[in-house]
C-alpha atoms as a PDB file:
ATOM      1  CA  MET A   1     -32.689 -39.826 -49.433  1.00  0.00           C
ATOM      2  CA  GLN A   2     -30.023 -41.767 -47.590  1.00  0.00           C
ATOM      3  CA  LYS A   3     -29.471 -40.834 -43.944  1.00  0.00           C
ATOM      4  CA  ARG A   4     -26.392 -41.601 -41.907  1.00  0.00           C
ATOM      5  CA  ALA A   5     -25.292 -40.934 -38.329  1.00  0.00           C
ATOM      6  CA  PRO A   6     -22.851 -38.046 -37.833  1.00  0.00           C
ATOM      7  CA  THR A   7     -19.279 -39.104 -37.396  1.00  0.00           C
ATOM      8  CA  LEU A   8     -17.111 -38.162 -34.427  1.00  0.00           C
ATOM      9  CA  ALA A   9     -15.338 -35.600 -36.601  1.00  0.00           C
ATOM     10  CA  ASN A  10     -18.702 -33.998 -37.486  1.00  0.00           C
ATOM     11  CA  ILE A  11     -19.661 -33.766 -33.815  1.00  0.00           C
ATOM     12  CA  LEU A  12     -16.313 -32.216 -32.875  1.00  0.00           C
ATOM     13  CA  VAL A  13     -16.677 -29.569 -35.622  1.00  0.00           C
ATOM     14  CA  ILE A  14     -20.172 -28.678 -34.364  1.00  0.00           C
ATOM     15  CA  VAL A  15     -19.015 -28.487 -30.732  1.00  0.00           C
ATOM     16  CA  LEU A  16     -15.984 -26.347 -31.588  1.00  0.00           C
ATOM     17  CA  PHE A  17     -18.147 -24.011 -33.688  1.00  0.00           C
ATOM     18  CA  ALA A  18     -20.650 -23.645 -30.841  1.00  0.00           C
ATOM     19  CA  LEU A  19     -17.862 -22.950 -28.296  1.00  0.00           C
ATOM     20  CA  SER A  20     -16.239 -20.376 -30.562  1.00  0.00           C
ATOM     21  CA  CYS A  21     -19.591 -18.590 -30.997  1.00  0.00           C
ATOM     22  CA  PHE A  22     -20.148 -18.640 -27.238  1.00  0.00           C
ATOM     23  CA  GLY A  23     -16.637 -17.307 -26.606  1.00  0.00           C
ATOM     24  CA  LEU A  24     -17.138 -14.483 -29.105  1.00  0.00           C
ATOM     25  CA  LEU A  25     -20.476 -13.520 -27.551  1.00  0.00           C
ATOM     26  CA  LEU A  26     -18.965 -13.618 -24.056  1.00  0.00           C
ATOM     27  CA  PHE A  27     -16.078 -11.389 -25.187  1.00  0.00           C
ATOM     28  CA  LEU A  28     -18.467  -8.860 -26.722  1.00  0.00           C
ATOM     29  CA  TRP A  29     -20.718  -8.970 -23.637  1.00  0.00           C
ATOM     30  CA  GLU A  30     -17.788  -8.302 -21.286  1.00  0.00           C
ATOM     31  CA  SER A  31     -16.344  -5.619 -23.569  1.00  0.00           C
ATOM     32  CA  PHE A  32     -19.588  -3.669 -23.306  1.00  0.00           C
ATOM     33  CA  GLY A  33     -19.626  -3.938 -19.505  1.00  0.00           C
ATOM     34  CA  GLY A  34     -21.821  -6.971 -19.018  1.00  0.00           C
ATOM     35  CA  PRO A  35     -21.296  -8.978 -15.809  1.00  0.00           C
ATOM     36  CA  VAL A  36     -19.674 -12.380 -16.157  1.00  0.00           C
ATOM     37  CA  PRO A  37     -20.916 -15.100 -13.771  1.00  0.00           C
ATOM     38  CA  LEU A  38     -18.283 -16.592 -11.443  1.00  0.00           C
ATOM     39  CA  LYS A  39     -15.675 -14.038 -12.554  1.00  0.00           C
ATOM     40  CA  PRO A  40     -13.719 -12.851  -9.462  1.00  0.00           C
ATOM     41  CA  GLU A  41     -14.330  -9.235  -8.546  1.00  0.00           C
ATOM     42  CA  GLY A  42     -11.584  -6.698  -8.079  1.00  0.00           C
ATOM     43  CA  TYR A  43     -11.335  -4.485  -4.998  1.00  0.00           C
ATOM     44  CA  ARG A  44     -14.355  -2.232  -4.598  1.00  0.00           C
ATOM     45  CA  PHE A  45     -14.913   0.950  -2.611  1.00  0.00           C
ATOM     46  CA  THR A  46     -17.361   3.844  -2.706  1.00  0.00           C
ATOM     47  CA  VAL A  47     -16.730   7.569  -3.000  1.00  0.00           C
ATOM     48  CA  ASN A  48     -19.167  10.475  -2.663  1.00  0.00           C
ATOM     49  CA  LEU A  49     -18.989  13.084  -5.411  1.00  0.00           C
ATOM     50  CA  SER A  50     -20.613  16.504  -5.291  1.00  0.00           C
ATOM     51  CA  ARG A  51     -20.514  16.613  -9.093  1.00  0.00           C
ATOM     52  CA  THR A  52     -20.614  13.697 -11.515  1.00  0.00           C
ATOM     53  CA  LEU A  53     -19.348  15.659 -14.532  1.00  0.00           C
ATOM     54  CA  SER A  54     -19.457  13.165 -17.426  1.00  0.00           C
ATOM     55  CA  LEU A  55     -19.164  10.020 -15.328  1.00  0.00           C
ATOM     56  CA  ALA A  56     -21.184   6.997 -16.321  1.00  0.00           C
ATOM     57  CA  GLU A  57     -21.267   3.391 -15.252  1.00  0.00           C
ATOM     58  CA  GLU A  58     -18.318   1.455 -16.716  1.00  0.00           C
ATOM     59  CA  SER A  59     -16.271   4.681 -17.036  1.00  0.00           C
ATOM     60  CA  ASP A  60     -12.536   4.006 -16.819  1.00  0.00           C
ATOM     61  CA  VAL A  61     -10.623   4.743 -13.606  1.00  0.00           C
ATOM     62  CA  ARG A  62      -7.069   5.844 -14.345  1.00  0.00           C
ATOM     63  CA  ILE A  63      -3.982   6.557 -12.250  1.00  0.00           C
ATOM     64  CA  SER A  64      -1.104   8.362 -13.958  1.00  0.00           C
ATOM     65  CA  GLY A  65      -2.815   7.652 -17.268  1.00  0.00           C
ATOM     66  CA  VAL A  66      -3.006   3.896 -16.665  1.00  0.00           C
ATOM     67  CA  GLU A  67      -6.435   2.255 -16.613  1.00  0.00           C
ATOM     68  CA  VAL A  68      -6.688   0.393 -13.285  1.00  0.00           C
ATOM     69  CA  GLY A  69     -10.424  -0.159 -12.958  1.00  0.00           C
ATOM     70  CA  HIS A  70     -13.896   1.155 -13.726  1.00  0.00           C
ATOM     71  CA  ILE A  71     -17.063   2.655 -12.242  1.00  0.00           C
ATOM     72  CA  VAL A  72     -19.400  -0.167 -11.248  1.00  0.00           C
ATOM     73  CA  SER A  73     -22.442   1.891 -10.284  1.00  0.00           C
ATOM     74  CA  LEU A  74     -23.659   5.444  -9.673  1.00  0.00           C
ATOM     75  CA  LYS A  75     -26.508   6.428  -7.363  1.00  0.00           C
ATOM     76  CA  LEU A  76     -27.689   9.409  -5.324  1.00  0.00           C
ATOM     77  CA  ASN A  77     -27.236   9.269  -1.542  1.00  0.00           C
ATOM     78  CA  ASN A  78     -29.456  10.931   1.089  1.00  0.00           C
ATOM     79  CA  GLU A  79     -27.478  14.168   0.855  1.00  0.00           C
ATOM     80  CA  GLY A  80     -28.023  14.513  -2.858  1.00  0.00           C
ATOM     81  CA  HIS A  81     -24.429  13.593  -3.732  1.00  0.00           C
ATOM     82  CA  THR A  82     -23.512  10.948  -6.250  1.00  0.00           C
ATOM     83  CA  GLN A  83     -22.156   7.767  -4.695  1.00  0.00           C
ATOM     84  CA  ALA A  84     -19.830   5.973  -7.071  1.00  0.00           C
ATOM     85  CA  THR A  85     -18.789   2.364  -6.561  1.00  0.00           C
ATOM     86  CA  VAL A  86     -15.293   1.884  -7.973  1.00  0.00           C
ATOM     87  CA  GLU A  87     -13.682  -1.452  -8.774  1.00  0.00           C
ATOM     88  CA  ILE A  88      -9.888  -1.696  -9.010  1.00  0.00           C
ATOM     89  CA  ALA A  89      -8.533  -4.704 -10.894  1.00  0.00           C
ATOM     90  CA  ALA A  90      -6.871  -7.186  -8.540  1.00  0.00           C
ATOM     91  CA  ARG A  91      -3.654  -7.136 -10.553  1.00  0.00           C
ATOM     92  CA  TYR A  92      -3.143  -3.452  -9.678  1.00  0.00           C
ATOM     93  CA  ALA A  93      -3.501  -3.928  -5.919  1.00  0.00           C
ATOM     94  CA  PRO A  94      -0.820  -6.449  -4.894  1.00  0.00           C
ATOM     95  CA  THR A  95       0.003  -5.464  -1.295  1.00  0.00           C
ATOM     96  CA  VAL A  96      -2.455  -5.359   1.617  1.00  0.00           C
ATOM     97  CA  LEU A  97      -1.958  -2.456   4.031  1.00  0.00           C
ATOM     98  CA  ALA A  98      -4.752  -3.533   6.383  1.00  0.00           C
ATOM     99  CA  SER A  99      -7.846  -5.741   6.510  1.00  0.00           C
ATOM    100  CA  PHE A 100     -11.003  -5.269   8.550  1.00  0.00           C
ATOM    101  CA  GLY A 101     -14.128  -7.257   9.301  1.00  0.00           C
ATOM    102  CA  PRO A 102     -15.084 -10.931   9.177  1.00  0.00           C
ATOM    103  CA  ALA A 103     -14.044 -13.177   6.312  1.00  0.00           C
ATOM    104  CA  SER A 104     -17.505 -13.002   4.741  1.00  0.00           C
ATOM    105  CA  ALA A 105     -17.385  -9.194   4.529  1.00  0.00           C
ATOM    106  CA  ARG A 106     -13.676  -8.393   4.751  1.00  0.00           C
ATOM    107  CA  VAL A 107     -12.483  -4.973   3.665  1.00  0.00           C
ATOM    108  CA  SER A 108      -8.868  -4.730   2.480  1.00  0.00           C
ATOM    109  CA  VAL A 109      -6.868  -1.537   2.018  1.00  0.00           C
ATOM    110  CA  ARG A 110      -4.320  -2.148  -0.737  1.00  0.00           C
ATOM    111  CA  VAL A 111      -1.473  -0.450  -2.542  1.00  0.00           C
ATOM    112  CA  ILE A 112      -2.385   0.552  -6.096  1.00  0.00           C
ATOM    113  CA  ALA A 113       0.319  -0.466  -8.583  1.00  0.00           C
ATOM    114  CA  PRO A 114      -0.330   1.222 -11.957  1.00  0.00           C
ATOM    115  CA  LYS A 115       2.560  -0.636 -13.609  1.00  0.00           C
ATOM    116  CA  GLY A 116       1.286  -3.988 -12.390  1.00  0.00           C
ATOM    117  CA  PRO A 117       2.118  -6.193  -9.395  1.00  0.00           C
ATOM    118  CA  ALA A 118       5.273  -7.700 -10.883  1.00  0.00           C
ATOM    119  CA  ALA A 119       6.902  -4.292 -11.370  1.00  0.00           C
ATOM    120  CA  TYR A 120       5.782  -3.164  -7.917  1.00  0.00           C
ATOM    121  CA  LYS A 121       7.032  -6.322  -6.219  1.00  0.00           C
ATOM    122  CA  ASP A 122      10.384  -6.045  -8.012  1.00  0.00           C
ATOM    123  CA  ALA A 123      10.746  -2.396  -6.960  1.00  0.00           C
ATOM    124  CA  LEU A 124       9.751  -3.244  -3.388  1.00  0.00           C
ATOM    125  CA  ALA A 125      12.259  -6.112  -3.224  1.00  0.00           C
ATOM    126  CA  ALA A 126      15.042  -3.837  -4.538  1.00  0.00           C
ATOM    127  CA  ASP A 127      14.045  -1.181  -2.026  1.00  0.00           C
ATOM    128  CA  GLN A 128      14.140  -3.661   0.860  1.00  0.00           C
ATOM    129  CA  LYS A 129      17.589  -4.863  -0.197  1.00  0.00           C
ATOM    130  CA  ILE A 130      18.937  -1.295  -0.037  1.00  0.00           C
ATOM    131  CA  SER A 131      17.019  -0.658   3.210  1.00  0.00           C
ATOM    132  CA  LYS A 132      18.771  -3.648   4.733  1.00  0.00           C
ATOM    133  CA  THR A 133      22.169  -2.173   3.826  1.00  0.00           C
ATOM    134  CA  VAL A 134      21.247   1.286   5.122  1.00  0.00           C
ATOM    135  CA  GLY A 135      19.697  -0.110   8.314  1.00  0.00           C
ATOM    136  CA  THR A 136      22.730  -2.291   9.006  1.00  0.00           C
ATOM    137  CA  GLY A 137      24.935   0.776   8.661  1.00  0.00           C
ATOM    138  CA  LEU A 138      22.771   2.865  10.982  1.00  0.00           C
ATOM    139  CA  VAL A 139      22.858   0.364  13.856  1.00  0.00           C
ATOM    140  CA  THR A 140      26.649   0.687  13.937  1.00  0.00           C
ATOM    141  CA  SER A 141      26.423   4.453  14.552  1.00  0.00           C
ATOM    142  CA  SER A 142      27.428   5.668  17.999  1.00  0.00           C
ATOM    143  CA  GLN A 143      24.603   8.217  17.716  1.00  0.00           C
ATOM    144  CA  ILE A 144      21.926   5.529  17.593  1.00  0.00           C
ATOM    145  CA  THR A 145      20.826   3.096  20.289  1.00  0.00           C
ATOM    146  CA  GLU A 146      18.132   0.553  19.476  1.00  0.00           C
ATOM    147  CA  THR A 147      16.275  -2.298  21.136  1.00  0.00           C
ATOM    148  CA  PRO A 148      16.894  -5.830  19.805  1.00  0.00           C
ATOM    149  CA  ALA A 149      13.532  -5.809  18.014  1.00  0.00           C
ATOM    150  CA  ALA A 150      14.257  -2.449  16.404  1.00  0.00           C
ATOM    151  CA  LYS A 151      17.698  -3.652  15.345  1.00  0.00           C
ATOM    152  CA  ALA A 152      16.213  -6.771  13.751  1.00  0.00           C
ATOM    153  CA  ALA A 153      13.750  -4.646  11.759  1.00  0.00           C
ATOM    154  CA  MET A 154      16.487  -2.303  10.526  1.00  0.00           C
ATOM    155  CA  THR A 155      18.979  -4.986   9.545  1.00  0.00           C
ATOM    156  CA  GLY A 156      16.196  -7.083   7.997  1.00  0.00           C
ATOM    157  CA  GLY A 157      15.172  -4.387   5.525  1.00  0.00           C
ATOM    158  CA  ARG A 158      11.711  -4.034   7.083  1.00  0.00           C
ATOM    159  CA  VAL A 159      11.759  -0.282   7.756  1.00  0.00           C
ATOM    160  CA  ASP A 160      10.149   2.338   5.510  1.00  0.00           C
ATOM    161  CA  SER A 161      12.830   4.211   3.545  1.00  0.00           C
ATOM    162  CA  ARG A 162      11.475   7.592   4.735  1.00  0.00           C
ATOM    163  CA  ALA A 163      11.929   6.500   8.341  1.00  0.00           C
ATOM    164  CA  LEU A 164      15.540   5.488   7.655  1.00  0.00           C
ATOM    165  CA  ILE A 165      16.258   8.848   6.012  1.00  0.00           C
ATOM    166  CA  VAL A 166      14.690  10.782   8.891  1.00  0.00           C
ATOM    167  CA  ILE A 167      16.506   8.656  11.493  1.00  0.00           C
ATOM    168  CA  THR A 168      19.756   9.595   9.756  1.00  0.00           C
ATOM    169  CA  ALA A 169      18.822  13.290   9.899  1.00  0.00           C
ATOM    170  CA  LEU A 170      17.849  13.143  13.577  1.00  0.00           C
ATOM    171  CA  ALA A 171      20.976  11.239  14.574  1.00  0.00           C
ATOM    172  CA  SER A 172      23.136  13.820  12.819  1.00  0.00           C
ATOM    173  CA  GLU A 173      21.852  16.394  15.344  1.00  0.00           C
ATOM    174  CA  HIS A 174      21.378  14.412  18.572  1.00  0.00           C
ATOM    175  CA  PRO A 175      21.880  10.896  19.886  1.00  0.00           C
ATOM    176  CA  ILE A 176      18.602   8.959  19.578  1.00  0.00           C
ATOM    177  CA  ASP A 177      17.124   5.813  21.121  1.00  0.00           C
ATOM    178  CA  ILE A 178      14.894   3.718  18.847  1.00  0.00           C
ATOM    179  CA  LEU A 179      12.397   1.742  20.913  1.00  0.00           C
ATOM    180  CA  SER A 180      10.316   0.015  18.253  1.00  0.00           C
ATOM    181  CA  PHE A 181       8.882   0.035  14.754  1.00  0.00           C
ATOM    182  CA  GLY A 182       5.278  -0.550  13.757  1.00  0.00           C
ATOM    183  CA  GLY A 183       2.588   0.455  11.331  1.00  0.00           C
ATOM    184  CA  THR A 184       1.229  -2.946  10.343  1.00  0.00           C
ATOM    185  CA  TYR A 185      -2.272  -4.160  11.109  1.00  0.00           C
ATOM    186  CA  ALA A 186      -4.274  -7.367  10.938  1.00  0.00           C
ATOM    187  CA  GLY A 187      -4.028  -8.822   7.463  1.00  0.00           C
ATOM    188  CA  THR A 188      -1.105  -6.623   6.373  1.00  0.00           C
ATOM    189  CA  SER A 189       1.140  -8.230   3.753  1.00  0.00           C
ATOM    190  CA  ALA A 190       4.404  -9.517   5.196  1.00  0.00           C
ATOM    191  CA  ASP A 191       6.450  -7.364   2.822  1.00  0.00           C
ATOM    192  CA  ALA A 192       4.743  -4.068   3.737  1.00  0.00           C
ATOM    193  CA  PRO A 193       7.397  -1.702   5.214  1.00  0.00           C
ATOM    194  CA  LEU A 194       7.128  -0.528   8.827  1.00  0.00           C
ATOM    195  CA  ARG A 195       5.994   3.112   8.723  1.00  0.00           C
ATOM    196  CA  VAL A 196       5.938   3.983  12.423  1.00  0.00           C
ATOM    197  CA  VAL A 197       8.986   4.530  14.654  1.00  0.00           C
ATOM    198  CA  ASP A 198       8.882   5.052  18.422  1.00  0.00           C
ATOM    199  CA  LEU A 199      11.736   7.124  19.823  1.00  0.00           C
ATOM    200  CA  ALA A 200      12.710   7.683  23.458  1.00  0.00           C
ATOM    201  CA  GLU A 201      11.859  11.206  24.620  1.00  0.00           C
ATOM    202  CA  THR A 202      15.223  11.716  26.233  1.00  0.00           C
ATOM    203  CA  ASP A 203      18.841  10.643  25.788  1.00  0.00           C
ATOM    204  CA  ALA A 204      21.444  11.421  28.440  1.00  0.00           C
ATOM    205  CA  ALA A 205      24.156  11.741  25.794  1.00  0.00           C
ATOM    206  CA  ALA A 206      22.275  14.685  24.244  1.00  0.00           C
ATOM    207  CA  HIS A 207      22.822  16.790  27.394  1.00  0.00           C
ATOM    208  CA  LEU A 208      19.348  18.290  27.059  1.00  0.00           C
ATOM    209  CA  GLY A 209      16.339  18.256  29.332  1.00  0.00           C
ATOM    210  CA  GLN A 210      13.379  16.150  28.187  1.00  0.00           C
ATOM    211  CA  SER A 211      11.265  19.099  27.005  1.00  0.00           C
ATOM    212  CA  ALA A 212      14.134  20.682  25.098  1.00  0.00           C
ATOM    213  CA  TYR A 213      15.111  17.344  23.573  1.00  0.00           C
ATOM    214  CA  VAL A 214      11.581  16.564  22.377  1.00  0.00           C
ATOM    215  CA  ARG A 215      11.096  20.103  21.081  1.00  0.00           C
ATOM    216  CA  SER A 216      14.329  19.897  19.109  1.00  0.00           C
ATOM    217  CA  MET A 217      13.324  16.537  17.596  1.00  0.00           C
ATOM    218  CA  ILE A 218       9.901  17.819  16.555  1.00  0.00           C
ATOM    219  CA  GLU A 219      11.398  20.935  14.975  1.00  0.00           C
ATOM    220  CA  LEU A 220      13.801  18.795  12.961  1.00  0.00           C
ATOM    221  CA  LEU A 221      10.940  16.596  11.785  1.00  0.00           C
ATOM    222  CA  ARG A 222       8.845  19.582  10.717  1.00  0.00           C
ATOM    223  CA  VAL A 223      11.551  21.031   8.468  1.00  0.00           C
ATOM    224  CA  GLN A 224      12.110  17.834   6.512  1.00  0.00           C
ATOM    225  CA  PRO A 225      11.348  17.986   2.759  1.00  0.00           C
ATOM    226  CA  ALA A 226       7.726  17.132   1.960  1.00  0.00           C
ATOM    227  CA  THR A 227       8.639  13.657   0.685  1.00  0.00           C
ATOM    228  CA  TYR A 228      10.153  12.687   4.052  1.00  0.00           C
ATOM    229  CA  ARG A 229       7.929  14.730   6.364  1.00  0.00           C
ATOM    230  CA  PRO A 230       5.959  12.535   8.783  1.00  0.00           C
ATOM    231  CA  LEU A 231       2.186  12.350   8.636  1.00  0.00           C
ATOM    232  CA  ARG A 232       1.915  12.513  12.416  1.00  0.00           C
ATOM    233  CA  VAL A 233       4.217  13.118  15.418  1.00  0.00           C
ATOM    234  CA  SER A 234       2.860  12.589  18.921  1.00  0.00           C
ATOM    235  CA  THR A 235       3.696  11.366  22.408  1.00  0.00           C
ATOM    236  CA  VAL A 236       2.329   7.898  23.160  1.00  0.00           C
ATOM    237  CA  SER A 237       2.494   5.400  26.009  1.00  0.00           C
ATOM    238  CA  LEU A 238       4.030   2.056  25.061  1.00  0.00           C
ATOM    239  CA  ALA A 239       2.952  -1.293  26.483  1.00  0.00           C
ATOM    240  CA  GLY A 240       5.299  -1.026  29.481  1.00  0.00           C
ATOM    241  CA  GLY A 241       4.129   2.476  30.318  1.00  0.00           C
ATOM    242  CA  GLN A 242       7.164   4.218  28.818  1.00  0.00           C
ATOM    243  CA  LYS A 243       6.497   7.481  27.005  1.00  0.00           C
ATOM    244  CA  ALA A 244       7.722   7.664  23.428  1.00  0.00           C
ATOM    245  CA  LEU A 245       7.774  10.149  20.581  1.00  0.00           C
ATOM    246  CA  GLN A 246       5.891   8.336  17.834  1.00  0.00           C
ATOM    247  CA  VAL A 247       6.675   9.286  14.241  1.00  0.00           C
ATOM    248  CA  GLU A 248       4.262   7.967  11.617  1.00  0.00           C
ATOM    249  CA  PHE A 249       4.598   8.185   7.853  1.00  0.00           C
ATOM    250  CA  ALA A 250       1.693   8.040   5.413  1.00  0.00           C
ATOM    251  CA  ALA A 251       0.734   4.834   3.619  1.00  0.00           C
ATOM    252  CA  PRO A 252       1.629   3.417   1.214  1.00  0.00           C
ATOM    253  CA  SER A 253       5.399   3.447   1.479  1.00  0.00           C
ATOM    254  CA  PRO A 254       6.976   4.868  -1.692  1.00  0.00           C
ATOM    255  CA  VAL A 255       9.639   2.831  -3.445  1.00  0.00           C
ATOM    256  CA  GLY A 256      12.851   4.088  -5.001  1.00  0.00           C
ATOM    257  CA  LEU A 257      13.691   6.838  -2.503  1.00  0.00           C
ATOM    258  CA  LEU A 258      16.966   5.156  -1.533  1.00  0.00           C
ATOM    259  CA  ASN A 259      17.738   4.249  -5.134  1.00  0.00           C
ATOM    260  CA  PRO A 260      16.334   6.994  -7.393  1.00  0.00           C
ATOM    261  CA  PRO A 261      16.418   6.406 -11.168  1.00  0.00           C
ATOM    262  CA  GLN A 262      19.512   7.762 -12.896  1.00  0.00           C
END
């Protein structure tokens, strides 16, 4: 029997066959929920459930019918409730609302984007463009006075669309003074809208005492439609000691309110 060394072509065929088998096995392993070494994790959090119903590890997590993640693990806590660890795919959580903790154990709170980050980013960019137009119009109103920082936020398209709508409603009733905008925290994405507005608790042009002025503002805020109703309204002390009526809207900021689909 004559023996001969394998040619380069023979070696390449063997290597390609081995890689294709490995790739197929890896695909099947991942499809059935097996962990893949070095694969980046999505964003994980835990929830306590009084009932597990038909949940199992690797069950799909869906938002509006779109699969955005899966159940990583299920275990009983000390209270007898089921603690589920949920992983959301990174592609569905494009914008950071806040981050906490050291880099080695950082926790990020993110916007969930069921249609994917590209669609969310496009909608957010369109929203900010319209917000810039609306904000620029509002700062020209004789009913509104704003600090330079507040003006920059409004004309720069940084303000949450709900805040702009509510500012318009308030200014239609009384003159208002906008002191500042906020609502971002350490690690917040630069494109996250500002959801908190600080308003002066009095305005001489309103011809109302401070208590009556604040009461009127709060009443107007409470009767806003649910979509635009603030999460929280309270009196706060700003850095310089000035009292302000702080109006905070829930996170995340919705997109499309200023430009609803036709």
